Amino acid sequence: MDIVKDAVEGDVTLERDGLKVFLQNEAVLWFPNVTIDYSDETGFFLSGVDACSCS
């Protein structure tokens, strides 16, 4: 995750309450039910990420 000013060609742009989030097109498929949130204590974090079942 990085903080950038503008989207790169091919990015998906999501906007809510004036905040824009740019995602690589593939990331939309990787995280279909993820919520991006922010806390003063921890900064940005993702919730709703499924645990990996790679075992």
Protein backbone atom coordinates (compact mmCIF):
# COMPACT_ATOMS: atom_id res chain seq x y z
CA MET A 1 0.00 0.00 0.00
CA ASP A 2 1.27 3.46 -0.85
CA ILE A 3 -0.05 7.01 -0.72
CA VAL A 4 -0.12 8.70 -4.13
CA LYS A 5 -1.70 11.84 -5.56
CA ASP A 6 -3.04 10.45 -8.86
CA ALA A 7 -4.13 7.13 -10.31
CA VAL A 8 -1.99 5.24 -12.79
CA GLU A 9 -3.53 4.22 -16.12
CA GLY A 10 -5.59 1.07 -15.56
CA ASP A 11 -6.25 1.73 -11.86
CA VAL A 12 -9.74 1.47 -10.42
CA THR A 13 -10.75 4.63 -8.52
CA LEU A 14 -13.06 4.40 -5.51
CA GLU A 15 -14.27 7.59 -3.84
CA ARG A 16 -16.15 8.13 -0.60
CA ASP A 17 -16.63 11.35 1.36
CA GLY A 18 -13.96 13.07 -0.73
CA LEU A 19 -11.31 10.38 -0.19
CA LYS A 20 -10.07 8.69 -3.36
CA VAL A 21 -8.51 5.23 -3.28
CA PHE A 22 -6.71 3.91 -6.34
CA LEU A 23 -6.43 0.15 -6.78
CA GLN A 24 -4.65 -1.87 -9.39
CA ASN A 25 -7.33 -3.58 -11.46
CA GLU A 26 -6.21 -7.03 -10.23
CA ALA A 27 -6.49 -5.98 -6.56
CA VAL A 28 -10.26 -5.61 -6.92
CA LEU A 29 -10.43 -9.37 -7.55
CA TRP A 30 -8.07 -10.21 -4.66
CA PHE A 31 -10.02 -8.27 -2.03
CA PRO A 32 -13.74 -8.38 -2.92
CA ASN A 33 -15.08 -7.82 0.63
CA VAL A 34 -12.31 -5.74 2.18
CA THR A 35 -12.90 -2.48 4.01
CA ILE A 36 -10.13 0.12 4.20
CA ASP A 37 -10.26 2.02 7.47
CA TYR A 38 -8.05 4.42 9.43
CA SER A 39 -7.16 4.75 13.08
CA ASP A 40 -5.08 7.52 14.67
CA GLU A 41 -3.21 4.82 16.60
CA THR A 42 -2.46 2.37 13.76
CA GLY A 43 -2.95 4.30 10.51
CA PHE A 44 -4.65 2.61 7.56
CA PHE A 45 -5.73 -1.00 7.92
CA LEU A 46 -7.77 -3.59 6.04
CA SER A 47 -10.64 -5.50 7.59
CA GLY A 48 -12.60 -8.40 6.12
CA VAL A 49 -9.51 -10.05 4.63
CA ASP A 50 -9.93 -13.83 4.58
CA ALA A 51 -7.09 -15.86 6.05
CA CYS A 52 -4.95 -17.72 3.55
CA SER A 53 -5.76 -21.41 3.14
CA CYS A 54 -2.43 -22.23 1.50
CA SER A 55 -1.56 -25.22 3.71
